[in-house]
Amino acid sequence: MRRYRHIHRRRYGDYPHEGPVRRNVMRSVLLVIVLFVAVKWVLAYFGVGNTIQQQGSTLHITDTAHVEVSIEGGELKRAENEQKLYPGDRVTTGIASHAVLSFFDHAVVRLNELTDLTIEESHSAVMTSQLSLLLREGSIWISTPEKQIFSGSMTRTVRTADMTLSLPSNTESVVTERSLVVFRADGLGVTLDAKEGVVPVIVGEGQKFVLPPSYTEETDLYAYRSPLDPLAVQSLFVQESRAELARSRAVAATEGNPVTPENTEPEEDDLLSVTVPENNAILKAPTVEVRGTAGRNIASVRINGYTAPFEQGTRTFALEIALPDEDQVEIAVAGLDTDGSVLKEVRRMVSRDRKPPASPKITSPAHEGQTYRTGSERFVIAGTVSPDTISVIVNDYKLQLYKPGSTTWTYLASTSIDNLHAGTNVYSVVSMNRGGYRSAPAVLTVLLEEGPEGVVEVGNESSSGSATTAEDTESSEAFNVRELPKNAPLQPGSLQVTGPTPGTHHTATGSSFLIQGTTVPSTFSLWVNDYRLRLYEPGKTTWNYIADTNLRTLHRGQNEYTIVTRDNQNRILDTLTYLVEYQP
């Protein structure tokens, strides 16, 4: 039998016909990949496929003094409680002043004193939401929510001049310009990217990190990570921040029934339902959270034109909106389908309680409006306020131990804490409600001097016996302005206003500004609307006066400021009327 053997011939060398085909296929595949990546990047850049909704944050002022905001890069102005802030806005705090920012994802940031913080990004999106903060100086305490509270994809960063932090869910930490303390954090912890570093540093729960004064790319930054000092938990700033968060959550829980998954599933035929606020509700706060449920056919919800975050799983929506400064406010809630057509609209009419609280009462050591003489260098001023009061302020100092809703308050006056001095001491007490409205002040004058202790009858007893000389007005408030000389100006034209608008008229839009001017060296005292400027020093040729809505020295519409200068005999040197039209 003949055996046949198949001979396989091998070809060596190039394949002139197959090479170009393969190269063309590879080029086409690479081109498609590049185009896909480029198109995806462009679409993401313009928000296509990841609908972005800018979200505001709410500023809560915990200390009334020295908290300022800059809106969209503008000049710093006095902050208002419950003020809404957006990306690009900046908050600064002064000495012994704090502020709290609450964000759309339920993250909370508390600013320590002497802190400068800017909101860089704050938006919710279908794919990835973002919160980004810039800390220029000072320190902040930050708490991010647990993952189940805000279930969407979320990136949270805090940036300083020297490092960038990426914060996971369920984080509690304190951040300064060059350090980080982590009390709690999900996952591995907070990721820290140092400006000059190469490898990111993971700072886990119960650890702290302090950036060294100088380092290079070769420096092992992990050497500067260490276990947390147990005393850090006892920090007054941390304890106050935790207490502030707990208090705000307790207040929110008592303002309305929270929406829970068990009671949010709407009926199939119920397209749109608004659970909060109720129709014709009376609101004290300047903002309100609108909550409700939507049926299966609703794809999105708008509230007064703003898109509300919408949980598809529970079919619930919620959005906090700022209320205009009006007595009656209408809230329109619209349910839309996938094409943007309105399927159902629900309207709520609410009323704002814009009435300021009643003026506080002073019960000890004397009553409001009285003058009290004492030789004691330490005593307590006490009184009462209405039940709707959330804070009591004495001479621009917010009482830290006062609990919102309490009807009694106390204030310690002492020479050792520099709020009591020899001579005349004037204590102005105001109360503030949840709407941010302040009461008329209750004033008590205390004379720290020798003599019988007790109430001084105005016009009968004073520290020097006369109510019309310059020396008496310097040492005692027990005088009647109407008894001062009303002579014709001795030096007409010597009093001038130089700012904010030189002359006699100004139109204002901000809620706080300085009226500034010049006078002559013979000026002993300067008065605005019968109020003597306490910080003006005799002989000084410049002066200023604060016009501020919070101080009740500025109100909507026309404001008239009558300015008078007097010499050391209380004779009028010059007088001028400055008109301000306030149009917020």
Protein backbone atom coordinates (compact mmCIF):
# COMPACT_ATOMS: atom_id res chain seq x y z
CA MET A 1 0.00 0.00 0.00
CA ARG A 2 1.23 3.41 -0.96
CA ARG A 3 1.31 5.91 1.70
CA TYR A 4 0.74 9.53 0.93
CA ARG A 5 2.20 12.20 3.04
CA HIS A 6 0.80 15.70 3.01
CA ILE A 7 3.49 18.19 2.55
CA HIS A 8 2.90 21.56 4.29
CA ARG A 9 4.70 24.30 2.57
CA ARG A 10 5.79 27.24 4.62
CA ARG A 11 6.14 30.74 3.27
CA TYR A 12 8.67 33.00 4.76
CA GLY A 13 8.83 36.75 4.54
CA ASP A 14 6.16 39.51 4.39
CA TYR A 15 2.52 39.09 3.50
CA PRO A 16 1.95 41.94 1.16
CA HIS A 17 -1.84 41.60 1.02
CA GLU A 18 -2.72 40.94 4.72
CA GLY A 19 -0.49 43.58 6.44
CA PRO A 20 -2.31 46.75 5.27
CA VAL A 21 -5.71 45.26 6.08
CA ARG A 22 -4.71 44.55 9.66
CA ARG A 23 -3.21 48.00 10.08
CA ASN A 24 -6.35 49.66 8.72
CA VAL A 25 -8.54 47.65 11.09
CA MET A 26 -6.39 48.59 14.06
CA ARG A 27 -6.43 52.25 13.07
CA SER A 28 -10.21 52.20 12.74
CA VAL A 29 -10.61 50.60 16.17
CA LEU A 30 -8.27 53.13 17.79
CA LEU A 31 -10.07 56.00 16.04
CA VAL A 32 -13.44 54.78 17.30
CA ILE A 33 -12.09 54.51 20.86
CA VAL A 34 -10.57 58.00 20.72
CA LEU A 35 -13.77 59.49 19.32
CA PHE A 36 -15.86 57.70 21.95
CA VAL A 37 -13.70 59.02 24.79
CA ALA A 38 -13.65 62.54 23.30
CA VAL A 39 -17.40 62.68 22.78
CA LYS A 40 -18.03 61.30 26.26
CA TRP A 41 -15.72 63.92 27.77
CA VAL A 42 -17.39 66.76 25.83
CA LEU A 43 -20.87 65.58 26.81
CA ALA A 44 -19.84 65.26 30.45
CA TYR A 45 -18.27 68.73 30.33
CA PHE A 46 -21.53 70.27 29.20
CA GLY A 47 -23.59 68.15 31.60
CA VAL A 48 -25.25 65.98 28.93
CA GLY A 49 -26.21 62.64 30.43
CA ASN A 50 -25.49 63.97 33.93
CA THR A 51 -28.12 66.63 34.56
CA ILE A 52 -26.62 69.12 37.02
CA GLN A 53 -28.66 71.22 39.45
CA GLN A 54 -26.90 73.91 41.46
CA GLN A 55 -27.82 73.57 45.13
CA GLY A 56 -27.74 76.25 47.77
CA SER A 57 -26.57 75.94 51.35
CA THR A 58 -28.05 77.57 54.43
CA LEU A 59 -25.99 79.75 56.74
CA HIS A 60 -26.85 79.57 60.43
CA ILE A 61 -25.26 82.27 62.55
CA THR A 62 -24.37 81.02 65.99
CA ASP A 63 -22.81 84.32 67.11
CA THR A 64 -24.27 87.56 65.91
CA ALA A 65 -21.03 89.54 65.90
CA HIS A 66 -18.46 89.57 63.11
CA VAL A 67 -19.90 87.05 60.64
CA GLU A 68 -19.72 88.35 57.06
CA VAL A 69 -20.48 86.99 53.60
CA SER A 70 -19.32 87.83 50.10
CA ILE A 71 -21.83 87.04 47.36
CA GLU A 72 -20.32 86.06 43.99
CA GLY A 73 -17.02 87.75 44.78
CA GLY A 74 -18.56 91.00 46.00
CA GLU A 75 -17.54 92.95 49.07
CA LEU A 76 -17.96 91.42 52.50
CA LYS A 77 -21.21 92.38 54.22
CA ARG A 78 -22.82 91.44 57.52
CA ALA A 79 -24.35 87.97 57.31
CA GLU A 80 -27.99 87.20 58.01
CA ASN A 81 -29.30 84.17 59.84
CA GLU A 82 -30.76 81.45 57.55
CA GLN A 83 -29.14 83.17 54.54
CA LYS A 84 -28.87 81.06 51.35
CA LEU A 85 -25.40 80.74 49.81
CA TYR A 86 -24.33 79.29 46.48
CA PRO A 87 -21.09 78.32 44.67
CA GLY A 88 -18.71 81.28 44.60
CA ASP A 89 -19.98 82.71 47.90
CA ARG A 90 -17.63 83.23 50.83
CA VAL A 91 -18.07 83.29 54.63
CA THR A 92 -15.73 84.83 57.22
CA THR A 93 -15.94 84.82 61.01
CA GLY A 94 -14.36 87.23 63.48
CA ILE A 95 -13.10 86.88 67.01
CA ALA A 96 -15.32 84.68 69.22
CA SER A 97 -17.69 84.17 66.28
CA HIS A 98 -18.92 80.96 64.66
CA ALA A 99 -21.19 80.00 61.78
CA VAL A 100 -22.78 76.78 60.49
CA LEU A 101 -23.36 75.77 56.85
CA SER A 102 -25.83 72.99 56.01
CA PHE A 103 -25.71 71.52 52.50
CA PHE A 104 -28.11 69.70 50.18
CA ASP A 105 -26.57 66.28 50.91
CA HIS A 106 -27.06 66.79 54.68
CA ALA A 107 -23.38 67.59 55.22
CA VAL A 108 -22.77 70.17 57.96
CA VAL A 109 -19.76 72.47 58.32
CA ARG A 110 -19.12 74.65 61.38
CA LEU A 111 -16.64 77.51 61.06
CA ASN A 112 -14.41 78.31 63.99
CA GLU A 113 -13.52 81.88 64.88
CA LEU A 114 -11.23 83.79 62.46
CA THR A 115 -12.07 81.44 59.57
CA ASP A 116 -12.36 82.20 55.84
CA LEU A 117 -14.29 79.62 53.77
CA THR A 118 -15.50 79.67 50.14
CA ILE A 119 -18.09 77.36 48.55
CA GLU A 120 -16.51 76.31 45.23
CA GLU A 121 -18.99 73.67 44.06
CA SER A 122 -22.38 72.55 45.36
CA HIS A 123 -24.55 70.66 42.88
CA SER A 124 -26.62 67.52 42.63
CA ALA A 125 -26.53 65.42 39.46
CA VAL A 126 -27.97 62.24 38.01
CA MET A 127 -24.56 60.56 37.88
CA THR A 128 -22.25 62.27 40.37
CA SER A 129 -23.04 65.12 42.79
CA GLN A 130 -20.28 67.35 44.09
CA LEU A 131 -19.47 69.50 47.11
CA SER A 132 -16.17 71.38 47.13
CA LEU A 133 -14.94 73.90 49.73
CA LEU A 134 -11.90 76.18 49.87
CA LEU A 135 -10.47 76.91 53.33
CA ARG A 136 -8.25 79.99 53.12
CA GLU A 137 -7.56 80.32 56.84
CA GLY A 138 -8.83 79.17 60.20
CA SER A 139 -10.42 75.81 60.94
CA ILE A 140 -13.68 73.96 60.31
CA TRP A 141 -15.54 71.01 61.79
CA ILE A 142 -17.27 68.92 59.14
CA SER A 143 -19.78 66.09 59.36
CA THR A 144 -20.88 64.16 56.26
CA PRO A 145 -24.00 61.94 56.25
CA GLU A 146 -24.13 58.19 56.29
CA LYS A 147 -24.33 56.51 52.90
CA GLN A 148 -27.98 55.48 53.29
CA ILE A 149 -29.02 59.09 54.00
CA PHE A 150 -27.63 60.33 50.67
CA SER A 151 -27.44 57.27 48.46
CA GLY A 152 -26.34 58.87 45.20
CA SER A 153 -22.76 59.06 43.94
CA MET A 154 -21.09 61.97 45.72
CA THR A 155 -17.64 63.56 45.87
CA ARG A 156 -16.78 65.86 48.76
CA THR A 157 -13.50 67.79 48.86
CA VAL A 158 -11.97 70.41 51.11
CA ARG A 159 -9.06 72.33 49.62
CA THR A 160 -6.47 74.56 51.29
CA ALA A 161 -3.39 76.26 49.90
CA ASP A 162 -1.26 73.22 50.84
CA MET A 163 -3.48 70.16 50.53
CA THR A 164 -6.70 68.67 49.14
CA LEU A 165 -8.92 66.31 51.14
CA SER A 166 -11.40 63.78 49.75
CA LEU A 167 -14.02 62.95 52.37
CA PRO A 168 -16.07 59.73 52.33
CA SER A 169 -19.53 59.29 53.81
CA ASN A 170 -20.02 59.26 57.59
CA THR A 171 -17.01 61.49 58.20
CA GLU A 172 -16.43 63.67 61.24
CA SER A 173 -13.22 65.67 61.17
CA VAL A 174 -11.55 68.98 61.96
CA VAL A 175 -9.58 70.64 59.18
CA THR A 176 -7.08 73.49 59.37
CA GLU A 177 -4.85 74.94 56.68
CA ARG A 178 -2.14 72.31 57.28
CA SER A 179 -3.66 69.63 59.51
CA LEU A 180 -6.45 67.08 59.69
CA VAL A 181 -8.09 65.22 62.58
CA VAL A 182 -10.42 62.31 61.74
CA PHE A 183 -12.84 61.19 64.44
CA ARG A 184 -14.93 59.00 62.14
CA ALA A 185 -14.93 57.98 58.44
CA ASP A 186 -16.26 55.17 56.27
CA GLY A 187 -13.88 52.93 54.34
CA LEU A 188 -10.16 53.49 54.69
CA GLY A 189 -10.62 57.10 55.76
CA VAL A 190 -9.93 60.56 54.36
CA THR A 191 -7.57 60.82 51.37
CA LEU A 192 -5.07 63.68 51.67
CA ASP A 193 -3.15 64.98 48.62
CA ALA A 194 -0.32 67.27 49.69
CA LYS A 195 0.62 70.01 47.24
CA GLU A 196 4.25 68.91 46.94
CA GLY A 197 3.64 65.25 47.68
CA VAL A 198 3.56 62.33 45.24
CA VAL A 199 1.70 59.58 47.08
CA PRO A 200 -1.67 60.42 48.72
CA VAL A 201 -1.90 59.87 52.46
CA ILE A 202 -4.84 57.95 53.91
CA VAL A 203 -5.83 59.33 57.33
CA GLY A 204 -8.13 56.80 58.98
CA GLU A 205 -10.56 56.92 61.85
CA GLY A 206 -8.88 57.92 65.12
CA GLN A 207 -5.84 59.46 63.40
CA LYS A 208 -4.44 62.92 62.83
CA PHE A 209 -2.05 64.38 60.27
CA VAL A 210 0.06 67.55 60.44
CA LEU A 211 1.83 68.72 57.29
CA PRO A 212 5.51 69.43 58.02
CA PRO A 213 6.82 72.99 57.50
CA SER A 214 8.96 71.83 54.57
CA TYR A 215 9.16 68.60 52.59
CA THR A 216 10.13 67.21 49.19
CA GLU A 217 8.75 64.57 46.85
CA GLU A 218 10.97 62.01 48.60
CA THR A 219 9.57 62.79 52.06
CA ASP A 220 7.57 59.97 53.60
CA LEU A 221 4.46 61.89 54.67
CA TYR A 222 3.09 58.85 56.46
CA ALA A 223 5.66 59.60 59.16
CA TYR A 224 3.56 62.66 60.06
CA ARG A 225 0.40 60.62 60.63
CA SER A 226 -0.18 59.67 64.26
CA PRO A 227 -2.87 58.28 66.60
CA LEU A 228 -5.45 60.77 67.80
CA ASP A 229 -4.89 62.37 71.19
CA PRO A 230 -7.88 61.44 73.41
CA LEU A 231 -7.98 65.04 74.64
CA ALA A 232 -8.88 66.19 71.11
CA VAL A 233 -12.41 64.89 71.66
CA GLN A 234 -12.70 67.22 74.66
CA SER A 235 -11.98 70.27 72.53
CA LEU A 236 -14.58 72.98 73.22
CA PHE A 237 -14.92 73.64 69.48
CA VAL A 238 -15.66 69.96 68.78
CA GLN A 239 -18.11 69.64 71.65
CA GLU A 240 -19.97 72.81 70.64
CA SER A 241 -20.08 71.64 67.01
CA ARG A 242 -21.57 68.28 67.98
CA ALA A 243 -24.09 69.98 70.24
CA GLU A 244 -25.07 72.39 67.46
CA LEU A 245 -25.65 69.50 65.05
CA ALA A 246 -27.75 67.58 67.58
CA ARG A 247 -29.79 70.68 68.38
CA SER A 248 -30.51 71.45 64.71
CA ARG A 249 -31.61 67.85 64.09
CA ALA A 250 -33.91 67.97 67.12
CA VAL A 251 -35.48 71.22 65.88
CA ALA A 252 -35.97 69.76 62.39
CA ALA A 253 -37.62 66.67 63.83
CA THR A 254 -40.16 68.73 65.79
CA GLU A 255 -41.13 70.97 62.88
CA GLY A 256 -43.03 68.28 61.00
CA ASN A 257 -43.48 64.55 60.61
CA PRO A 258 -40.43 63.16 58.83
CA VAL A 259 -41.03 61.28 55.61
CA THR A 260 -40.27 57.58 56.01
CA PRO A 261 -40.25 54.78 53.43
CA GLU A 262 -43.21 53.11 55.17
CA ASN A 263 -45.57 56.03 54.58
CA THR A 264 -44.27 57.50 51.34
CA GLU A 265 -45.49 55.01 48.77
CA PRO A 266 -48.23 56.92 46.89
CA GLU A 267 -51.35 55.40 45.51
CA GLU A 268 -51.18 54.54 41.82
CA ASP A 269 -53.74 57.21 40.92
CA ASP A 270 -52.10 59.85 43.14
CA LEU A 271 -49.79 61.65 40.73
CA LEU A 272 -48.50 64.30 43.14
CA SER A 273 -48.91 64.93 46.86
CA VAL A 274 -47.37 67.67 49.03
CA THR A 275 -47.03 66.67 52.69
CA VAL A 276 -45.12 69.72 54.00
CA PRO A 277 -45.99 72.55 54.35
CA GLU A 278 -49.70 72.48 54.95
CA ASN A 279 -51.89 74.93 53.10
CA ASN A 280 -52.31 78.27 54.95
CA ALA A 281 -49.48 77.37 57.32
CA ILE A 282 -47.90 80.22 59.27
CA LEU A 283 -44.10 80.09 59.04
CA LYS A 284 -41.67 81.86 61.32
CA ALA A 285 -38.42 80.89 59.54
CA PRO A 286 -37.25 82.63 56.32
CA THR A 287 -36.95 79.24 54.59
CA VAL A 288 -39.18 76.19 54.30
CA GLU A 289 -38.55 72.61 53.22
CA VAL A 290 -41.16 71.41 50.73
CA ARG A 291 -41.68 67.63 50.84
CA GLY A 292 -44.01 65.21 49.18
CA THR A 293 -44.51 62.09 47.06
CA ALA A 294 -45.06 61.46 43.35
CA GLY A 295 -46.66 58.64 41.35
CA ARG A 296 -45.01 56.28 38.87
CA ASN A 297 -45.70 58.54 35.88
CA ILE A 298 -43.81 61.47 37.39
CA ALA A 299 -40.21 61.73 36.18
CA SER A 300 -39.19 64.98 37.93
CA VAL A 301 -40.58 67.62 40.27
CA ARG A 302 -40.20 71.38 40.19
CA ILE A 303 -40.85 73.70 43.13
CA ASN A 304 -41.25 77.37 42.24
CA GLY A 305 -39.24 76.69 39.10
CA TYR A 306 -36.40 74.81 40.85
CA THR A 307 -35.81 71.11 40.23
CA ALA A 308 -36.17 69.17 43.48
CA PRO A 309 -34.00 66.13 44.36
CA PHE A 310 -36.20 63.10 43.63
CA GLU A 311 -35.65 59.63 45.13
CA GLN A 312 -36.90 57.13 42.55
CA GLY A 313 -36.97 54.25 45.02
CA THR A 314 -39.27 55.86 47.61
CA ARG A 315 -40.87 58.28 45.10
CA THR A 316 -40.21 61.17 47.52
CA PHE A 317 -38.92 64.67 46.88
CA ALA A 318 -37.69 67.44 49.17
CA LEU A 319 -36.25 70.90 48.56
CA GLU A 320 -35.59 73.80 50.91
CA ILE A 321 -36.51 77.15 49.38
CA ALA A 322 -36.01 80.71 50.57
CA LEU A 323 -39.17 82.71 51.14
CA PRO A 324 -39.46 86.31 49.89
CA ASP A 325 -39.90 89.03 52.48
CA GLU A 326 -43.67 89.13 52.00
CA ASP A 327 -46.68 88.38 54.19
CA GLN A 328 -48.24 85.86 51.76
CA VAL A 329 -46.18 83.43 49.67
CA GLU A 330 -47.43 80.94 47.08
CA ILE A 331 -45.54 77.69 46.55
CA ALA A 332 -46.14 75.90 43.23
CA VAL A 333 -45.15 72.22 42.98
CA ALA A 334 -45.28 70.68 39.49
CA GLY A 335 -44.91 67.01 38.53
CA LEU A 336 -43.41 66.47 35.04
CA ASP A 337 -43.16 63.48 32.74
CA THR A 338 -40.07 62.43 30.78
CA ASP A 339 -40.85 64.99 28.05
CA GLY A 340 -41.02 67.85 30.53
CA SER A 341 -44.79 68.24 30.30
CA VAL A 342 -46.65 69.13 33.49
CA LEU A 343 -48.89 66.24 34.54
CA LYS A 344 -50.12 67.76 37.79
CA GLU A 345 -49.58 70.91 39.82
CA VAL A 346 -50.21 71.45 43.53
CA ARG A 347 -50.18 74.90 45.10
CA ARG A 348 -49.72 75.86 48.71
CA MET A 349 -50.34 79.30 50.18
CA VAL A 350 -48.31 80.05 53.32
CA SER A 351 -48.05 83.11 55.54
CA ARG A 352 -44.88 84.54 57.01
CA ASP A 353 -44.89 85.68 60.61
CA ARG A 354 -42.75 88.78 60.21
CA LYS A 355 -43.71 90.32 63.51
CA PRO A 356 -40.67 90.93 65.74
CA PRO A 357 -40.75 89.48 69.24
CA ALA A 358 -41.80 91.55 72.21
CA SER A 359 -39.08 93.62 73.83
CA PRO A 360 -37.29 91.82 76.69
CA LYS A 361 -38.02 92.70 80.29
CA ILE A 362 -35.26 93.50 82.77
CA THR A 363 -36.14 92.54 86.34
CA SER A 364 -32.81 92.78 88.19
CA PRO A 365 -31.01 94.77 89.51
CA ALA A 366 -33.52 97.33 88.17
CA HIS A 367 -36.09 97.55 85.41
CA GLU A 368 -35.60 98.58 81.80
CA GLY A 369 -35.43 102.32 81.32
CA GLN A 370 -34.04 102.89 84.80
CA THR A 371 -30.62 104.01 86.02
CA TYR A 372 -29.04 101.97 88.80
CA ARG A 373 -26.09 102.94 90.99
CA THR A 374 -23.82 100.30 92.52
CA GLY A 375 -20.37 99.93 94.00
CA SER A 376 -20.18 96.20 93.20
CA GLU A 377 -17.71 95.15 90.52
CA ARG A 378 -19.67 91.97 89.77
CA PHE A 379 -23.43 91.45 89.53
CA VAL A 380 -26.06 89.66 87.43
CA ILE A 381 -28.56 91.32 85.14
CA ALA A 382 -31.67 89.15 84.75
CA GLY A 383 -34.97 89.34 82.92
CA THR A 384 -37.64 87.64 80.85
CA VAL A 385 -38.45 87.21 77.15
CA SER A 386 -41.36 85.85 75.11
CA PRO A 387 -41.51 82.06 74.46
CA ASP A 388 -40.83 82.46 70.72
CA THR A 389 -37.33 83.78 71.41
CA ILE A 390 -34.39 81.75 70.08
CA SER A 391 -31.56 84.05 71.20
CA VAL A 392 -30.94 86.95 73.58
CA ILE A 393 -28.31 89.56 72.74
CA VAL A 394 -26.79 92.02 75.20
CA ASN A 395 -24.66 94.78 73.65
CA ASP A 396 -24.10 92.65 70.51
CA TYR A 397 -23.08 89.61 72.59
CA LYS A 398 -25.24 86.51 72.14
CA LEU A 399 -25.88 84.76 75.46
CA GLN A 400 -24.30 81.33 75.11
CA LEU A 401 -26.17 79.68 77.99
CA TYR A 402 -29.61 80.80 76.88
CA LYS A 403 -31.75 77.95 75.55
CA PRO A 404 -34.20 78.72 72.72
CA GLY A 405 -37.76 78.86 74.03
CA SER A 406 -36.78 79.69 77.60
CA THR A 407 -38.58 82.71 79.09
CA THR A 408 -35.77 83.75 81.45
CA TRP A 409 -32.22 84.96 80.84
CA THR A 410 -29.22 86.16 82.84
CA TYR A 411 -26.11 88.17 81.99
CA LEU A 412 -22.99 88.53 84.14
CA ALA A 413 -21.52 92.03 84.35
CA SER A 414 -18.01 92.15 85.82
CA THR A 415 -14.94 94.31 85.67
CA SER A 416 -12.84 91.14 85.36
CA ILE A 417 -14.38 90.26 81.97
CA ASP A 418 -14.29 93.87 80.74
CA ASN A 419 -18.03 94.44 80.35
CA LEU A 420 -18.29 96.70 83.39
CA HIS A 421 -16.30 99.89 83.90
CA ALA A 422 -16.15 102.75 86.35
CA GLY A 423 -18.72 105.39 85.49
CA THR A 424 -21.64 104.85 83.15
CA ASN A 425 -22.47 101.44 81.66
CA VAL A 426 -25.37 101.03 79.26
CA TYR A 427 -26.77 97.53 78.62
CA SER A 428 -29.04 97.16 75.58
CA VAL A 429 -30.94 93.84 75.50
CA VAL A 430 -32.76 92.53 72.41
CA SER A 431 -34.39 89.19 71.62
CA MET A 432 -34.55 87.44 68.23
CA ASN A 433 -37.08 84.94 66.89
CA ARG A 434 -36.67 82.13 64.33
CA GLY A 435 -37.45 84.48 61.48
CA GLY A 436 -34.35 86.50 62.34
CA TYR A 437 -36.41 89.49 63.49
CA ARG A 438 -35.15 91.48 66.46
CA SER A 439 -37.18 93.15 69.16
CA ALA A 440 -36.94 96.74 70.26
CA PRO A 441 -34.14 97.06 72.81
CA ALA A 442 -34.64 97.16 76.56
CA VAL A 443 -32.03 99.47 78.08
CA LEU A 444 -30.60 99.53 81.58
CA THR A 445 -28.06 102.12 82.71
CA VAL A 446 -25.69 101.17 85.53
CA LEU A 447 -23.48 103.69 87.33
CA LEU A 448 -20.42 102.06 88.90
CA GLU A 449 -19.48 104.72 91.45
CA GLU A 450 -19.57 105.68 95.10
CA GLY A 451 -22.90 106.58 96.67
CA PRO A 452 -26.09 104.94 97.87
CA GLU A 453 -26.86 101.75 95.96
CA GLY A 454 -30.20 101.63 94.17
CA VAL A 455 -32.26 103.23 91.42
CA VAL A 456 -31.25 106.79 90.59
CA GLU A 457 -34.08 109.17 89.78
CA VAL A 458 -33.26 110.87 86.48
CA GLY A 459 -32.87 114.61 86.98
CA ASN A 460 -32.57 114.31 90.78
CA GLU A 461 -29.45 112.24 91.45
CA SER A 462 -26.51 111.65 89.15
CA SER A 463 -22.81 111.26 89.48
CA SER A 464 -22.16 115.00 89.10
CA GLY A 465 -25.51 116.72 89.67
CA SER A 466 -26.04 118.37 86.27
CA ALA A 467 -27.52 116.97 83.08
CA THR A 468 -26.45 119.47 80.47
CA THR A 469 -22.67 119.85 80.66
CA ALA A 470 -20.30 117.94 78.40
CA GLU A 471 -18.60 116.36 81.39
CA ASP A 472 -21.90 114.94 82.66
CA THR A 473 -22.91 113.46 79.32
CA GLU A 474 -19.55 111.75 79.22
CA SER A 475 -19.98 110.08 82.64
CA SER A 476 -23.74 109.49 82.88
CA GLU A 477 -26.70 108.80 80.61
CA ALA A 478 -29.08 110.37 83.17
CA PHE A 479 -29.89 113.47 81.10
CA ASN A 480 -32.51 114.65 78.64
CA VAL A 481 -31.27 115.38 75.12
CA ARG A 482 -34.00 117.97 74.75
CA GLU A 483 -32.36 120.03 77.51
CA LEU A 484 -29.17 120.57 75.49
CA PRO A 485 -28.62 124.00 73.89
CA LYS A 486 -30.45 124.64 70.61
CA ASN A 487 -28.38 127.56 69.40
CA ALA A 488 -27.76 128.44 65.77
CA PRO A 489 -24.65 126.62 64.42
CA LEU A 490 -21.45 128.38 65.48
CA GLN A 491 -19.37 126.94 62.60
CA PRO A 492 -21.76 126.19 59.71
CA GLY A 493 -20.24 124.09 56.95
CA SER A 494 -17.69 122.47 59.27
CA LEU A 495 -19.57 119.11 59.27
CA GLN A 496 -19.32 116.99 56.12
CA VAL A 497 -20.36 113.47 54.99
CA THR A 498 -17.71 111.82 52.80
CA GLY A 499 -19.18 108.34 52.36
CA PRO A 500 -20.71 106.10 51.20
CA THR A 501 -21.84 108.95 48.91
CA PRO A 502 -20.50 112.45 49.62
CA GLY A 503 -23.12 115.11 50.19
CA THR A 504 -26.58 114.64 51.64
CA HIS A 505 -28.14 111.67 49.81
CA HIS A 506 -27.34 108.01 49.19
CA THR A 507 -29.17 105.01 47.70
CA ALA A 508 -28.30 101.72 49.43
CA THR A 509 -28.94 98.08 48.51
CA GLY A 510 -26.81 96.37 51.17
CA SER A 511 -28.12 95.74 54.68
CA SER A 512 -25.11 97.34 56.41
CA PHE A 513 -22.71 100.19 55.63
CA LEU A 514 -20.74 103.01 57.28
CA ILE A 515 -21.72 106.67 57.13
CA GLN A 516 -18.40 108.53 57.36
CA GLY A 517 -17.44 112.17 57.49
CA THR A 518 -15.22 114.97 58.77
CA THR A 519 -15.54 117.73 61.36
CA VAL A 520 -13.37 120.40 63.01
CA PRO A 521 -10.91 119.93 65.94
CA SER A 522 -13.12 121.95 68.29
CA THR A 523 -15.75 119.20 68.21
CA PHE A 524 -16.26 117.62 71.64
CA SER A 525 -19.18 115.30 70.88
CA LEU A 526 -21.01 114.07 67.80
CA TRP A 527 -24.66 112.98 67.69
CA VAL A 528 -26.74 111.04 65.16
CA ASN A 529 -30.53 111.12 65.66
CA ASP A 530 -30.03 112.19 69.31
CA TYR A 531 -27.61 109.30 69.92
CA ARG A 532 -24.13 110.26 71.05
CA LEU A 533 -21.37 108.34 69.26
CA ARG A 534 -19.50 106.68 72.11
CA LEU A 535 -16.40 105.83 70.10
CA TYR A 536 -15.89 109.41 68.92
CA GLU A 537 -12.97 111.05 70.71
CA PRO A 538 -13.07 114.82 71.38
CA GLY A 539 -10.92 116.75 68.90
CA LYS A 540 -10.89 114.00 66.26
CA THR A 541 -11.61 115.31 62.76
CA THR A 542 -13.08 112.08 61.34
CA TRP A 543 -16.12 110.08 62.44
CA ASN A 544 -18.31 107.15 61.35
CA TYR A 545 -21.71 105.67 62.14
CA ILE A 546 -23.01 102.14 61.40
CA ALA A 547 -26.27 101.94 59.45
CA ASP A 548 -27.43 98.34 59.84
CA THR A 549 -30.75 96.53 59.63
CA ASN A 550 -29.75 94.19 62.48
CA LEU A 551 -28.97 97.17 64.72
CA ARG A 552 -32.29 98.75 63.71
CA THR A 553 -30.49 101.85 62.45
CA LEU A 554 -31.55 101.13 58.85
CA HIS A 555 -34.97 100.17 57.51
CA ARG A 556 -36.64 99.74 54.15
CA GLY A 557 -37.49 102.99 52.37
CA GLN A 558 -36.20 106.45 53.30
CA ASN A 559 -33.93 106.87 56.34
CA GLU A 560 -33.14 110.30 57.75
CA TYR A 561 -29.97 110.80 59.80
CA THR A 562 -29.71 114.14 61.64
CA ILE A 563 -26.05 114.70 62.53
CA VAL A 564 -25.03 117.33 65.09
CA THR A 565 -21.59 118.37 66.38
CA ARG A 566 -21.18 120.14 69.76
CA ASP A 567 -18.31 121.82 71.60
CA ASN A 568 -17.23 121.30 75.21
CA GLN A 569 -20.08 123.54 76.36
CA ASN A 570 -22.58 121.39 74.45
CA ARG A 571 -23.23 124.25 72.02
CA ILE A 572 -24.08 123.28 68.46
CA LEU A 573 -21.16 123.73 66.05
CA ASP A 574 -22.92 122.48 62.94
CA THR A 575 -25.80 120.26 61.86
CA LEU A 576 -26.50 118.22 58.72
CA THR A 577 -29.27 115.90 57.51
CA TYR A 578 -28.23 112.85 55.47
CA LEU A 579 -30.94 110.93 53.57
CA VAL A 580 -30.56 107.26 52.66
CA GLU A 581 -33.00 105.39 50.40
CA TYR A 582 -32.72 101.68 51.27
CA GLN A 583 -33.90 99.40 48.44
CA PRO A 584 -32.97 95.75 49.25
